[in-house]
Protein backbone atom coordinates (compact mmCIF):
# COMPACT_ATOMS: atom_id res chain seq x y z
CA MET A 1 0.00 0.00 0.00
CA HIS A 2 1.32 3.41 -0.92
CA SER A 3 0.18 6.85 0.13
CA ASP A 4 1.49 10.34 -0.36
CA SER A 5 3.57 11.64 2.50
CA SER A 6 1.23 14.41 3.61
CA LEU A 7 -1.08 14.65 6.56
CA SER A 8 -3.52 17.44 7.16
CA ALA A 9 -6.16 18.24 9.71
CA CYS A 10 -8.57 21.11 10.08
CA ILE A 11 -9.36 21.97 13.67
CA LYS A 12 -11.72 24.91 13.86
CA GLN A 13 -11.67 27.52 16.57
CA GLY A 14 -13.34 26.15 19.68
CA GLN A 15 -12.72 22.51 18.69
CA HIS A 16 -10.25 20.23 20.47
CA LEU A 17 -7.99 17.44 19.29
CA ALA A 18 -7.09 14.59 21.61
CA ILE A 19 -4.23 12.16 21.06
CA SER A 20 -4.66 9.17 23.33
CA GLY A 21 -3.35 5.66 23.67
CA VAL A 22 -1.60 3.23 25.91
CA SER A 23 1.94 3.76 27.11
CA GLY A 24 4.46 3.22 24.33
CA CYS A 25 2.03 3.57 21.40
CA GLY A 26 3.75 6.64 19.93
CA LYS A 27 1.89 9.69 21.22
CA SER A 28 5.05 11.63 21.99
CA SER A 29 6.63 10.50 18.72
CA LEU A 30 3.63 11.82 16.80
CA LEU A 31 3.87 15.18 18.56
CA GLN A 32 7.60 15.31 17.75
CA VAL A 33 6.81 14.68 14.06
CA ILE A 34 4.16 17.42 14.10
CA ALA A 35 6.71 19.79 15.67
CA GLY A 36 9.31 18.86 13.02
CA ILE A 37 11.73 17.35 15.54
CA ASN A 38 11.51 13.83 14.04
CA HIS A 39 10.57 12.46 10.62
CA LEU A 40 8.21 9.62 9.72
CA ASN A 41 9.22 6.42 8.00
CA ARG A 42 5.71 4.94 8.09
CA VAL A 43 2.52 5.50 10.02
CA LEU A 44 -0.86 3.94 10.69
CA LEU A 45 -3.54 6.32 11.91
CA SER A 46 -7.09 5.78 13.02
CA SER A 47 -9.63 8.24 14.28
CA THR A 48 -12.78 8.20 16.32
CA THR A 49 -15.41 10.91 16.33
CA ILE A 50 -17.28 11.37 19.58
CA ASP A 51 -20.46 13.44 19.43
């Protein structure tokens, strides 16, 4: 499976984004990638919408 190497998200004013998971699942690594401190080799993302 191949995908382009871009990731985008639109979080509107007043909305919140939560990154959660068990210890060791990569939360801090993801934040470091977002901040540009680290680079991705590969990633698997899933999302859940809670109304």
